[in-house]
Amino acid sequence: MSIPNQALQKLLQEIEARATLSQQQLQVVRGQVATKQRDIRLNQLTIKELESLPKDTNVYEGVGKMFFSVPRDKVKSRLEGEVKALSSDVEDLNKKLHYLEMTFQKTQENINALLQRGS
């Protein structure tokens, strides 16, 4: 059974649009993963530096244009919480990335199948 050229062309355009959208979403998600991984590394380095300080060292956090004295352990626990949250986000984004990669691959396969059927 042969598909008319006009219907084949319309179907091909829809699949190509889906492939383009998937590719754009892949780029966005990869950027988000890279950003969150960078933030994780930054927080881990900060935690490492805090651990190297003596217990009685004054630690300050910036709030707007001001700095407040905060207990070192409180800052460390906040940073560890952020690392945990960021790690969870990265895991979720990696799942989304895998889904988008599979969607893009299936779309490419559909395009190839249509082109082979059409010729």
PDB file of N, CA and C in Angstrom:
ATOM      1  N   MET A   1       0.845  -1.180   0.000  1.00  0.00           N
ATOM      2  CA  MET A   1       0.000   0.000   0.000  1.00  0.00           C
ATOM      3  C   MET A   1       0.886   1.237   0.000  1.00  0.00           C
ATOM      4  N   SER A   2       0.637   2.095  -0.924  1.00  0.00           N
ATOM      5  CA  SER A   2       1.451   3.296  -1.075  1.00  0.00           C
ATOM      6  C   SER A   2       0.718   4.505  -0.500  1.00  0.00           C
ATOM      7  N   ILE A   3       1.473   5.365   0.127  1.00  0.00           N
ATOM      8  CA  ILE A   3       0.912   6.585   0.700  1.00  0.00           C
ATOM      9  C   ILE A   3       1.052   7.695  -0.333  1.00  0.00           C
ATOM     10  N   PRO A   4      -0.012   8.494  -0.565  1.00  0.00           N
ATOM     11  CA  PRO A   4       0.098   9.597  -1.532  1.00  0.00           C
ATOM     12  C   PRO A   4       1.228  10.559  -1.125  1.00  0.00           C
ATOM     13  N   ASN A   5       1.840  11.153  -2.145  1.00  0.00           N
ATOM     14  CA  ASN A   5       2.984  12.050  -1.911  1.00  0.00           C
ATOM     15  C   ASN A   5       2.645  13.191  -0.965  1.00  0.00           C
ATOM     16  N   GLN A   6       1.477  13.777  -1.105  1.00  0.00           N
ATOM     17  CA  GLN A   6       1.097  14.919  -0.267  1.00  0.00           C
ATOM     18  C   GLN A   6       0.966  14.489   1.191  1.00  0.00           C
ATOM     19  N   ALA A   7       0.350  13.352   1.436  1.00  0.00           N
ATOM     20  CA  ALA A   7       0.198  12.855   2.808  1.00  0.00           C
ATOM     21  C   ALA A   7       1.562  12.477   3.382  1.00  0.00           C
ATOM     22  N   LEU A   8       2.398  11.888   2.553  1.00  0.00           N
ATOM     23  CA  LEU A   8       3.741  11.507   2.975  1.00  0.00           C
ATOM     24  C   LEU A   8       4.559  12.737   3.345  1.00  0.00           C
ATOM     25  N   GLN A   9       4.436  13.774   2.544  1.00  0.00           N
ATOM     26  CA  GLN A   9       5.164  15.005   2.808  1.00  0.00           C
ATOM     27  C   GLN A   9       4.689  15.661   4.105  1.00  0.00           C
ATOM     28  N   LYS A  10       3.370  15.665   4.336  1.00  0.00           N
ATOM     29  CA  LYS A  10       2.817  16.253   5.559  1.00  0.00           C
ATOM     30  C   LYS A  10       3.274  15.462   6.780  1.00  0.00           C
ATOM     31  N   LEU A  11       3.242  14.141   6.685  1.00  0.00           N
ATOM     32  CA  LEU A  11       3.685  13.286   7.776  1.00  0.00           C
ATOM     33  C   LEU A  11       5.173  13.497   8.070  1.00  0.00           C
ATOM     34  N   LEU A  12       5.953  13.619   7.034  1.00  0.00           N
ATOM     35  CA  LEU A  12       7.389  13.855   7.184  1.00  0.00           C
ATOM     36  C   LEU A  12       7.660  15.194   7.863  1.00  0.00           C
ATOM     37  N   GLN A  13       6.897  16.227   7.514  1.00  0.00           N
ATOM     38  CA  GLN A  13       7.059  17.534   8.138  1.00  0.00           C
ATOM     39  C   GLN A  13       6.723  17.486   9.626  1.00  0.00           C
ATOM     40  N   GLU A  14       5.668  16.753   9.982  1.00  0.00           N
ATOM     41  CA  GLU A  14       5.298  16.625  11.392  1.00  0.00           C
ATOM     42  C   GLU A  14       6.378  15.901  12.186  1.00  0.00           C
ATOM     43  N   ILE A  15       6.907  14.852  11.604  1.00  0.00           N
ATOM     44  CA  ILE A  15       7.956  14.092  12.296  1.00  0.00           C
ATOM     45  C   ILE A  15       9.221  14.931  12.426  1.00  0.00           C
ATOM     46  N   GLU A  16       9.562  15.679  11.391  1.00  0.00           N
ATOM     47  CA  GLU A  16      10.736  16.557  11.457  1.00  0.00           C
ATOM     48  C   GLU A  16      10.549  17.636  12.518  1.00  0.00           C
ATOM     49  N   ALA A  17       9.336  18.169  12.639  1.00  0.00           N
ATOM     50  CA  ALA A  17       9.063  19.181  13.666  1.00  0.00           C
ATOM     51  C   ALA A  17       9.238  18.575  15.054  1.00  0.00           C
ATOM     52  N   ARG A  18       8.765  17.345  15.234  1.00  0.00           N
ATOM     53  CA  ARG A  18       8.943  16.653  16.517  1.00  0.00           C
ATOM     54  C   ARG A  18      10.428  16.427  16.811  1.00  0.00           C
ATOM     55  N   ALA A  19      11.186  16.054  15.773  1.00  0.00           N
ATOM     56  CA  ALA A  19      12.624  15.826  15.948  1.00  0.00           C
ATOM     57  C   ALA A  19      13.336  17.116  16.339  1.00  0.00           C
ATOM     58  N   THR A  20      12.965  18.205  15.708  1.00  0.00           N
ATOM     59  CA  THR A  20      13.569  19.503  16.029  1.00  0.00           C
ATOM     60  C   THR A  20      13.245  19.910  17.463  1.00  0.00           C
ATOM     61  N   LEU A  21      11.989  19.722  17.871  1.00  0.00           N
ATOM     62  CA  LEU A  21      11.582  20.049  19.230  1.00  0.00           C
ATOM     63  C   LEU A  21      12.340  19.194  20.247  1.00  0.00           C
ATOM     64  N   SER A  22      12.460  17.903  19.966  1.00  0.00           N
ATOM     65  CA  SER A  22      13.196  17.009  20.870  1.00  0.00           C
ATOM     66  C   SER A  22      14.658  17.434  20.980  1.00  0.00           C
ATOM     67  N   GLN A  23      15.241  17.809  19.871  1.00  0.00           N
ATOM     68  CA  GLN A  23      16.644  18.228  19.879  1.00  0.00           C
ATOM     69  C   GLN A  23      16.826  19.514  20.689  1.00  0.00           C
ATOM     70  N   GLN A  24      15.913  20.444  20.562  1.00  0.00           N
ATOM     71  CA  GLN A  24      15.982  21.683  21.335  1.00  0.00           C
ATOM     72  C   GLN A  24      15.833  21.392  22.826  1.00  0.00           C
ATOM     73  N   GLN A  25      14.881  20.515  23.174  1.00  0.00           N
ATOM     74  CA  GLN A  25      14.687  20.162  24.576  1.00  0.00           C
ATOM     75  C   GLN A  25      15.919  19.443  25.130  1.00  0.00           C
ATOM     76  N   LEU A  26      16.558  18.622  24.308  1.00  0.00           N
ATOM     77  CA  LEU A  26      17.788  17.951  24.730  1.00  0.00           C
ATOM     78  C   LEU A  26      18.857  18.966  25.104  1.00  0.00           C
ATOM     79  N   GLN A  27      19.019  19.982  24.281  1.00  0.00           N
ATOM     80  CA  GLN A  27      20.028  21.009  24.558  1.00  0.00           C
ATOM     81  C   GLN A  27      19.721  21.755  25.850  1.00  0.00           C
ATOM     82  N   VAL A  28      18.450  22.069  26.067  1.00  0.00           N
ATOM     83  CA  VAL A  28      18.046  22.783  27.284  1.00  0.00           C
ATOM     84  C   VAL A  28      18.340  21.928  28.518  1.00  0.00           C
ATOM     85  N   VAL A  29      17.952  20.655  28.472  1.00  0.00           N
ATOM     86  CA  VAL A  29      18.144  19.769  29.620  1.00  0.00           C
ATOM     87  C   VAL A  29      19.636  19.552  29.886  1.00  0.00           C
ATOM     88  N   ARG A  30      20.428  19.395  28.828  1.00  0.00           N
ATOM     89  CA  ARG A  30      21.881  19.241  29.022  1.00  0.00           C
ATOM     90  C   ARG A  30      22.479  20.476  29.700  1.00  0.00           C
ATOM     91  N   GLY A  31      22.005  21.651  29.321  1.00  0.00           N
ATOM     92  CA  GLY A  31      22.466  22.882  29.963  1.00  0.00           C
ATOM     93  C   GLY A  31      22.074  22.936  31.426  1.00  0.00           C
ATOM     94  N   GLN A  32      20.851  22.510  31.732  1.00  0.00           N
ATOM     95  CA  GLN A  32      20.396  22.502  33.118  1.00  0.00           C
ATOM     96  C   GLN A  32      21.215  21.523  33.957  1.00  0.00           C
ATOM     97  N   VAL A  33      21.510  20.353  33.392  1.00  0.00           N
ATOM     98  CA  VAL A  33      22.322  19.358  34.115  1.00  0.00           C
ATOM     99  C   VAL A  33      23.704  19.934  34.395  1.00  0.00           C
ATOM    100  N   ALA A  34      24.311  20.559  33.384  1.00  0.00           N
ATOM    101  CA  ALA A  34      25.649  21.129  33.562  1.00  0.00           C
ATOM    102  C   ALA A  34      25.645  22.214  34.635  1.00  0.00           C
ATOM    103  N   THR A  35      24.630  23.060  34.646  1.00  0.00           N
ATOM    104  CA  THR A  35      24.525  24.131  35.644  1.00  0.00           C
ATOM    105  C   THR A  35      24.392  23.561  37.048  1.00  0.00           C
ATOM    106  N   LYS A  36      23.526  22.575  37.206  1.00  0.00           N
ATOM    107  CA  LYS A  36      23.319  21.985  38.537  1.00  0.00           C
ATOM    108  C   LYS A  36      24.555  21.227  39.007  1.00  0.00           C
ATOM    109  N   GLN A  37      25.249  20.562  38.106  1.00  0.00           N
ATOM    110  CA  GLN A  37      26.486  19.873  38.488  1.00  0.00           C
ATOM    111  C   GLN A  37      27.564  20.873  38.906  1.00  0.00           C
ATOM    112  N   ARG A  38      27.610  22.004  38.235  1.00  0.00           N
ATOM    113  CA  ARG A  38      28.558  23.049  38.619  1.00  0.00           C
ATOM    114  C   ARG A  38      28.228  23.582  40.012  1.00  0.00           C
ATOM    115  N   ASP A  39      26.946  23.784  40.285  1.00  0.00           N
ATOM    116  CA  ASP A  39      26.531  24.246  41.610  1.00  0.00           C
ATOM    117  C   ASP A  39      26.859  23.222  42.696  1.00  0.00           C
ATOM    118  N   ILE A  40      26.704  21.952  42.374  1.00  0.00           N
ATOM    119  CA  ILE A  40      27.051  20.892  43.332  1.00  0.00           C
ATOM    120  C   ILE A  40      28.530  20.962  43.660  1.00  0.00           C
ATOM    121  N   ARG A  41      29.369  21.071  42.632  1.00  0.00           N
ATOM    122  CA  ARG A  41      30.823  21.144  42.857  1.00  0.00           C
ATOM    123  C   ARG A  41      31.192  22.370  43.682  1.00  0.00           C
ATOM    124  N   LEU A  42      30.558  23.494  43.396  1.00  0.00           N
ATOM    125  CA  LEU A  42      30.832  24.725  44.134  1.00  0.00           C
ATOM    126  C   LEU A  42      30.461  24.570  45.608  1.00  0.00           C
ATOM    127  N   ASN A  43      29.279  23.993  45.879  1.00  0.00           N
ATOM    128  CA  ASN A  43      28.864  23.778  47.265  1.00  0.00           C
ATOM    129  C   ASN A  43      29.763  22.780  47.971  1.00  0.00           C
ATOM    130  N   GLN A  44      30.185  21.734  47.279  1.00  0.00           N
ATOM    131  CA  GLN A  44      31.078  20.751  47.890  1.00  0.00           C
ATOM    132  C   GLN A  44      32.427  21.372  48.230  1.00  0.00           C
ATOM    133  N   LEU A  45      32.933  22.223  47.353  1.00  0.00           N
ATOM    134  CA  LEU A  45      34.195  22.920  47.643  1.00  0.00           C
ATOM    135  C   LEU A  45      34.043  23.853  48.843  1.00  0.00           C
ATOM    136  N   THR A  46      32.906  24.526  48.930  1.00  0.00           N
ATOM    137  CA  THR A  46      32.651  25.418  50.064  1.00  0.00           C
ATOM    138  C   THR A  46      32.578  24.621  51.358  1.00  0.00           C
ATOM    139  N   ILE A  47      31.911  23.469  51.321  1.00  0.00           N
ATOM    140  CA  ILE A  47      31.836  22.604  52.500  1.00  0.00           C
ATOM    141  C   ILE A  47      33.230  22.151  52.918  1.00  0.00           C
ATOM    142  N   LYS A  48      34.024  21.800  51.947  1.00  0.00           N
ATOM    143  CA  LYS A  48      35.398  21.346  52.238  1.00  0.00           C
ATOM    144  C   LYS A  48      36.207  22.460  52.902  1.00  0.00           C
ATOM    145  N   GLU A  49      36.038  23.671  52.414  1.00  0.00           N
ATOM    146  CA  GLU A  49      36.744  24.811  53.007  1.00  0.00           C
ATOM    147  C   GLU A  49      36.231  25.096  54.426  1.00  0.00           C
ATOM    148  N   LEU A  50      34.927  24.984  54.623  1.00  0.00           N
ATOM    149  CA  LEU A  50      34.364  25.199  55.962  1.00  0.00           C
ATOM    150  C   LEU A  50      34.897  24.156  56.950  1.00  0.00           C
ATOM    151  N   GLU A  51      35.046  22.925  56.503  1.00  0.00           N
ATOM    152  CA  GLU A  51      35.540  21.862  57.375  1.00  0.00           C
ATOM    153  C   GLU A  51      36.995  22.092  57.780  1.00  0.00           C
ATOM    154  N   SER A  52      37.734  22.787  56.921  1.00  0.00           N
ATOM    155  CA  SER A  52      39.144  23.029  57.237  1.00  0.00           C
ATOM    156  C   SER A  52      39.320  24.178  58.239  1.00  0.00           C
ATOM    157  N   LEU A  53      38.261  24.956  58.478  1.00  0.00           N
ATOM    158  CA  LEU A  53      38.335  26.070  59.425  1.00  0.00           C
ATOM    159  C   LEU A  53      38.173  25.569  60.863  1.00  0.00           C
ATOM    160  N   PRO A  54      38.789  26.260  61.817  1.00  0.00           N
ATOM    161  CA  PRO A  54      38.572  25.900  63.224  1.00  0.00           C
ATOM    162  C   PRO A  54      37.107  26.122  63.616  1.00  0.00           C
ATOM    163  N   LYS A  55      36.656  25.396  64.621  1.00  0.00           N
ATOM    164  CA  LYS A  55      35.247  25.458  65.050  1.00  0.00           C
ATOM    165  C   LYS A  55      34.802  26.866  65.453  1.00  0.00           C
ATOM    166  N   ASP A  56      35.705  27.638  66.043  1.00  0.00           N
ATOM    167  CA  ASP A  56      35.320  28.953  66.558  1.00  0.00           C
ATOM    168  C   ASP A  56      35.454  30.081  65.535  1.00  0.00           C
ATOM    169  N   THR A  57      35.677  29.759  64.281  1.00  0.00           N
ATOM    170  CA  THR A  57      35.822  30.775  63.239  1.00  0.00           C
ATOM    171  C   THR A  57      34.471  31.423  62.940  1.00  0.00           C
ATOM    172  N   ASN A  58      34.493  32.740  62.814  1.00  0.00           N
ATOM    173  CA  ASN A  58      33.285  33.470  62.444  1.00  0.00           C
ATOM    174  C   ASN A  58      33.016  33.264  60.948  1.00  0.00           C
ATOM    175  N   VAL A  59      31.778  32.909  60.622  1.00  0.00           N
ATOM    176  CA  VAL A  59      31.372  32.710  59.236  1.00  0.00           C
ATOM    177  C   VAL A  59      30.237  33.683  58.961  1.00  0.00           C
ATOM    178  N   TYR A  60      30.286  34.303  57.789  1.00  0.00           N
ATOM    179  CA  TYR A  60      29.278  35.308  57.437  1.00  0.00           C
ATOM    180  C   TYR A  60      28.592  34.905  56.138  1.00  0.00           C
ATOM    181  N   GLU A  61      27.287  35.167  56.090  1.00  0.00           N
ATOM    182  CA  GLU A  61      26.502  34.935  54.883  1.00  0.00           C
ATOM    183  C   GLU A  61      25.962  36.266  54.395  1.00  0.00           C
ATOM    184  N   GLY A  62      26.015  36.451  53.090  1.00  0.00           N
ATOM    185  CA  GLY A  62      25.484  37.670  52.496  1.00  0.00           C
ATOM    186  C   GLY A  62      23.989  37.581  52.337  1.00  0.00           C
ATOM    187  N   VAL A  63      23.299  38.635  52.772  1.00  0.00           N
ATOM    188  CA  VAL A  63      21.861  38.744  52.593  1.00  0.00           C
ATOM    189  C   VAL A  63      21.618  40.129  52.015  1.00  0.00           C
ATOM    190  N   GLY A  64      21.361  40.169  50.727  1.00  0.00           N
ATOM    191  CA  GLY A  64      21.212  41.466  50.074  1.00  0.00           C
ATOM    192  C   GLY A  64      22.541  42.205  50.102  1.00  0.00           C
ATOM    193  N   LYS A  65      22.556  43.388  50.709  1.00  0.00           N
ATOM    194  CA  LYS A  65      23.785  44.171  50.817  1.00  0.00           C
ATOM    195  C   LYS A  65      24.453  44.011  52.169  1.00  0.00           C
ATOM    196  N   MET A  66      23.917  43.109  53.003  1.00  0.00           N
ATOM    197  CA  MET A  66      24.436  42.945  54.360  1.00  0.00           C
ATOM    198  C   MET A  66      25.048  41.565  54.529  1.00  0.00           C
ATOM    199  N   PHE A  67      25.840  41.441  55.585  1.00  0.00           N
ATOM    200  CA  PHE A  67      26.402  40.154  55.967  1.00  0.00           C
ATOM    201  C   PHE A  67      26.006  39.863  57.404  1.00  0.00           C
ATOM    202  N   PHE A  68      25.569  38.621  57.633  1.00  0.00           N
ATOM    203  CA  PHE A  68      25.181  38.200  58.976  1.00  0.00           C
ATOM    204  C   PHE A  68      26.110  37.097  59.447  1.00  0.00           C
ATOM    205  N   SER A  69      26.453  37.165  60.730  1.00  0.00           N
ATOM    206  CA  SER A  69      27.238  36.102  61.334  1.00  0.00           C
ATOM    207  C   SER A  69      26.334  34.891  61.538  1.00  0.00           C
ATOM    208  N   VAL A  70      26.790  33.738  61.033  1.00  0.00           N
ATOM    209  CA  VAL A  70      26.017  32.508  61.103  1.00  0.00           C
ATOM    210  C   VAL A  70      26.931  31.419  61.641  1.00  0.00           C
ATOM    211  N   PRO A  71      26.419  30.542  62.496  1.00  0.00           N
ATOM    212  CA  PRO A  71      27.257  29.439  62.979  1.00  0.00           C
ATOM    213  C   PRO A  71      27.758  28.589  61.805  1.00  0.00           C
ATOM    214  N   ARG A  72      29.005  28.178  61.905  1.00  0.00           N
ATOM    215  CA  ARG A  72      29.649  27.416  60.840  1.00  0.00           C
ATOM    216  C   ARG A  72      28.864  26.141  60.524  1.00  0.00           C
ATOM    217  N   ASP A  73      28.373  25.454  61.551  1.00  0.00           N
ATOM    218  CA  ASP A  73      27.644  24.206  61.343  1.00  0.00           C
ATOM    219  C   ASP A  73      26.325  24.429  60.607  1.00  0.00           C
ATOM    220  N   LYS A  74      25.690  25.572  60.874  1.00  0.00           N
ATOM    221  CA  LYS A  74      24.432  25.880  60.205  1.00  0.00           C
ATOM    222  C   LYS A  74      24.669  26.099  58.706  1.00  0.00           C
ATOM    223  N   VAL A  75      25.739  26.800  58.364  1.00  0.00           N
ATOM    224  CA  VAL A  75      26.075  27.040  56.960  1.00  0.00           C
ATOM    225  C   VAL A  75      26.394  25.707  56.277  1.00  0.00           C
ATOM    226  N   LYS A  76      27.161  24.883  56.978  1.00  0.00           N
ATOM    227  CA  LYS A  76      27.536  23.584  56.417  1.00  0.00           C
ATOM    228  C   LYS A  76      26.305  22.713  56.179  1.00  0.00           C
ATOM    229  N   SER A  77      25.388  22.671  57.139  1.00  0.00           N
ATOM    230  CA  SER A  77      24.183  21.842  56.973  1.00  0.00           C
ATOM    231  C   SER A  77      23.300  22.377  55.845  1.00  0.00           C
ATOM    232  N   ARG A  78      23.235  23.701  55.696  1.00  0.00           N
ATOM    233  CA  ARG A  78      22.457  24.284  54.600  1.00  0.00           C
ATOM    234  C   ARG A  78      23.054  23.893  53.252  1.00  0.00           C
ATOM    235  N   LEU A  79      24.380  23.976  53.160  1.00  0.00           N
ATOM    236  CA  LEU A  79      25.050  23.615  51.910  1.00  0.00           C
ATOM    237  C   LEU A  79      24.875  22.133  51.597  1.00  0.00           C
ATOM    238  N   GLU A  80      24.941  21.291  52.623  1.00  0.00           N
ATOM    239  CA  GLU A  80      24.737  19.857  52.398  1.00  0.00           C
ATOM    240  C   GLU A  80      23.321  19.573  51.919  1.00  0.00           C
ATOM    241  N   GLY A  81      22.360  20.299  52.453  1.00  0.00           N
ATOM    242  CA  GLY A  81      20.979  20.168  51.991  1.00  0.00           C
ATOM    243  C   GLY A  81      20.823  20.587  50.538  1.00  0.00           C
ATOM    244  N   GLU A  82      21.510  21.667  50.173  1.00  0.00           N
ATOM    245  CA  GLU A  82      21.463  22.126  48.787  1.00  0.00           C
ATOM    246  C   GLU A  82      22.088  21.095  47.859  1.00  0.00           C
ATOM    247  N   VAL A  83      23.206  20.495  48.289  1.00  0.00           N
ATOM    248  CA  VAL A  83      23.862  19.471  47.469  1.00  0.00           C
ATOM    249  C   VAL A  83      22.920  18.286  47.257  1.00  0.00           C
ATOM    250  N   LYS A  84      22.233  17.890  48.318  1.00  0.00           N
ATOM    251  CA  LYS A  84      21.296  16.764  48.221  1.00  0.00           C
ATOM    252  C   LYS A  84      20.155  17.103  47.259  1.00  0.00           C
ATOM    253  N   ALA A  85      19.609  18.301  47.372  1.00  0.00           N
ATOM    254  CA  ALA A  85      18.509  18.724  46.493  1.00  0.00           C
ATOM    255  C   ALA A  85      18.978  18.812  45.041  1.00  0.00           C
ATOM    256  N   LEU A  86      20.172  19.371  44.840  1.00  0.00           N
ATOM    257  CA  LEU A  86      20.710  19.484  43.487  1.00  0.00           C
ATOM    258  C   LEU A  86      20.986  18.112  42.886  1.00  0.00           C
ATOM    259  N   SER A  87      21.488  17.197  43.702  1.00  0.00           N
ATOM    260  CA  SER A  87      21.747  15.843  43.214  1.00  0.00           C
ATOM    261  C   SER A  87      20.453  15.164  42.780  1.00  0.00           C
ATOM    262  N   SER A  88      19.393  15.383  43.541  1.00  0.00           N
ATOM    263  CA  SER A  88      18.088  14.830  43.182  1.00  0.00           C
ATOM    264  C   SER A  88      17.596  15.437  41.865  1.00  0.00           C
ATOM    265  N   ASP A  89      17.798  16.744  41.709  1.00  0.00           N
ATOM    266  CA  ASP A  89      17.401  17.417  40.470  1.00  0.00           C
ATOM    267  C   ASP A  89      18.177  16.864  39.275  1.00  0.00           C
ATOM    268  N   VAL A  90      19.474  16.641  39.466  1.00  0.00           N
ATOM    269  CA  VAL A  90      20.305  16.103  38.383  1.00  0.00           C
ATOM    270  C   VAL A  90      19.827  14.708  38.000  1.00  0.00           C
ATOM    271  N   GLU A  91      19.480  13.914  38.993  1.00  0.00           N
ATOM    272  CA  GLU A  91      18.977  12.569  38.717  1.00  0.00           C
ATOM    273  C   GLU A  91      17.689  12.633  37.900  1.00  0.00           C
ATOM    274  N   ASP A  92      16.781  13.523  38.290  1.00  0.00           N
ATOM    275  CA  ASP A  92      15.524  13.688  37.552  1.00  0.00           C
ATOM    276  C   ASP A  92      15.779  14.190  36.131  1.00  0.00           C
ATOM    277  N   LEU A  93      16.704  15.137  35.991  1.00  0.00           N
ATOM    278  CA  LEU A  93      17.020  15.670  34.670  1.00  0.00           C
ATOM    279  C   LEU A  93      17.675  14.604  33.790  1.00  0.00           C
ATOM    280  N   ASN A  94      18.477  13.730  34.389  1.00  0.00           N
ATOM    281  CA  ASN A  94      19.091  12.655  33.610  1.00  0.00           C
ATOM    282  C   ASN A  94      18.026  11.686  33.089  1.00  0.00           C
ATOM    283  N   LYS A  95      16.993  11.438  33.890  1.00  0.00           N
ATOM    284  CA  LYS A  95      15.880  10.597  33.424  1.00  0.00           C
ATOM    285  C   LYS A  95      15.173  11.274  32.255  1.00  0.00           C
ATOM    286  N   LYS A  96      14.939  12.584  32.390  1.00  0.00           N
ATOM    287  CA  LYS A  96      14.285  13.330  31.317  1.00  0.00           C
ATOM    288  C   LYS A  96      15.165  13.335  30.070  1.00  0.00           C
ATOM    289  N   LEU A  97      16.472  13.462  30.271  1.00  0.00           N
ATOM    290  CA  LEU A  97      17.421  13.454  29.160  1.00  0.00           C
ATOM    291  C   LEU A  97      17.361  12.115  28.427  1.00  0.00           C
ATOM    292  N   HIS A  98      17.318  11.026  29.175  1.00  0.00           N
ATOM    293  CA  HIS A  98      17.239   9.697  28.564  1.00  0.00           C
ATOM    294  C   HIS A  98      15.956   9.574  27.750  1.00  0.00           C
ATOM    295  N   TYR A  99      14.833  10.029  28.310  1.00  0.00           N
ATOM    296  CA  TYR A  99      13.552   9.982  27.601  1.00  0.00           C
ATOM    297  C   TYR A  99      13.624  10.791  26.301  1.00  0.00           C
ATOM    298  N   LEU A 100      14.186  11.999  26.381  1.00  0.00           N
ATOM    299  CA  LEU A 100      14.264  12.843  25.185  1.00  0.00           C
ATOM    300  C   LEU A 100      15.194  12.239  24.133  1.00  0.00           C
ATOM    301  N   GLU A 101      16.280  11.616  24.569  1.00  0.00           N
ATOM    302  CA  GLU A 101      17.186  10.963  23.622  1.00  0.00           C
ATOM    303  C   GLU A 101      16.482   9.815  22.909  1.00  0.00           C
ATOM    304  N   MET A 102      15.700   9.044  23.670  1.00  0.00           N
ATOM    305  CA  MET A 102      14.953   7.936  23.063  1.00  0.00           C
ATOM    306  C   MET A 102      13.897   8.470  22.094  1.00  0.00           C
ATOM    307  N   THR A 103      13.222   9.540  22.467  1.00  0.00           N
ATOM    308  CA  THR A 103      12.218  10.145  21.595  1.00  0.00           C
ATOM    309  C   THR A 103      12.859  10.629  20.300  1.00  0.00           C
ATOM    310  N   PHE A 104      14.006  11.276  20.419  1.00  0.00           N
ATOM    311  CA  PHE A 104      14.706  11.778  19.242  1.00  0.00           C
ATOM    312  C   PHE A 104      15.149  10.618  18.349  1.00  0.00           C
ATOM    313  N   GLN A 105      15.663   9.564  18.967  1.00  0.00           N
ATOM    314  CA  GLN A 105      16.119   8.402  18.203  1.00  0.00           C
ATOM    315  C   GLN A 105      14.944   7.749  17.466  1.00  0.00           C
ATOM    316  N   LYS A 106      13.808   7.592  18.145  1.00  0.00           N
ATOM    317  CA  LYS A 106      12.628   7.000  17.508  1.00  0.00           C
ATOM    318  C   LYS A 106      12.130   7.883  16.363  1.00  0.00           C
ATOM    319  N   THR A 107      12.200   9.180  16.552  1.00  0.00           N
ATOM    320  CA  THR A 107      11.772  10.106  15.506  1.00  0.00           C
ATOM    321  C   THR A 107      12.671   9.973  14.287  1.00  0.00           C
ATOM    322  N   GLN A 108      13.980   9.871  14.527  1.00  0.00           N
ATOM    323  CA  GLN A 108      14.928   9.689  13.423  1.00  0.00           C
ATOM    324  C   GLN A 108      14.637   8.382  12.685  1.00  0.00           C
ATOM    325  N   GLU A 109      14.338   7.334  13.453  1.00  0.00           N
ATOM    326  CA  GLU A 109      14.019   6.047  12.831  1.00  0.00           C
ATOM    327  C   GLU A 109      12.747   6.149  11.994  1.00  0.00           C
ATOM    328  N   ASN A 110      11.754   6.889  12.488  1.00  0.00           N
ATOM    329  CA  ASN A 110      10.509   7.084  11.734  1.00  0.00           C
ATOM    330  C   ASN A 110      10.766   7.844  10.443  1.00  0.00           C
ATOM    331  N   ILE A 111      11.618   8.838  10.491  1.00  0.00           N
ATOM    332  CA  ILE A 111      11.951   9.604   9.283  1.00  0.00           C
ATOM    333  C   ILE A 111      12.621   8.688   8.267  1.00  0.00           C
ATOM    334  N   ASN A 112      13.588   7.913   8.738  1.00  0.00           N
ATOM    335  CA  ASN A 112      14.285   6.995   7.822  1.00  0.00           C
ATOM    336  C   ASN A 112      13.330   5.973   7.223  1.00  0.00           C
ATOM    337  N   ALA A 113      12.408   5.439   8.027  1.00  0.00           N
ATOM    338  CA  ALA A 113      11.453   4.473   7.519  1.00  0.00           C
ATOM    339  C   ALA A 113      10.534   5.094   6.477  1.00  0.00           C
ATOM    340  N   LEU A 114      10.091   6.328   6.715  1.00  0.00           N
ATOM    341  CA  LEU A 114       9.230   7.012   5.748  1.00  0.00           C
ATOM    342  C   LEU A 114       9.969   7.273   4.433  1.00  0.00           C
ATOM    343  N   LEU A 115      11.232   7.680   4.557  1.00  0.00           N
ATOM    344  CA  LEU A 115      12.005   7.957   3.346  1.00  0.00           C
ATOM    345  C   LEU A 115      12.251   6.673   2.550  1.00  0.00           C
ATOM    346  N   GLN A 116      12.483   5.571   3.233  1.00  0.00           N
ATOM    347  CA  GLN A 116      12.695   4.314   2.528  1.00  0.00           C
ATOM    348  C   GLN A 116      11.395   3.826   1.867  1.00  0.00           C
ATOM    349  N   ARG A 117      10.266   4.005   2.579  1.00  0.00           N
ATOM    350  CA  ARG A 117       8.969   3.596   2.037  1.00  0.00           C
ATOM    351  C   ARG A 117       8.577   4.476   0.861  1.00  0.00           C
ATOM    352  N   GLY A 118       8.932   5.741   0.948  1.00  0.00           N
ATOM    353  CA  GLY A 118       8.536   6.688  -0.095  1.00  0.00           C
ATOM    354  C   GLY A 118       9.307   6.524  -1.395  1.00  0.00           C
ATOM    355  N   SER A 119      10.513   5.938  -1.330  1.00  0.00           N
ATOM    356  CA  SER A 119      11.290   5.819  -2.562  1.00  0.00           C
ATOM    357  C   SER A 119      11.065   4.523  -3.274  1.00  0.00           C
TER     358      SER A 119
END
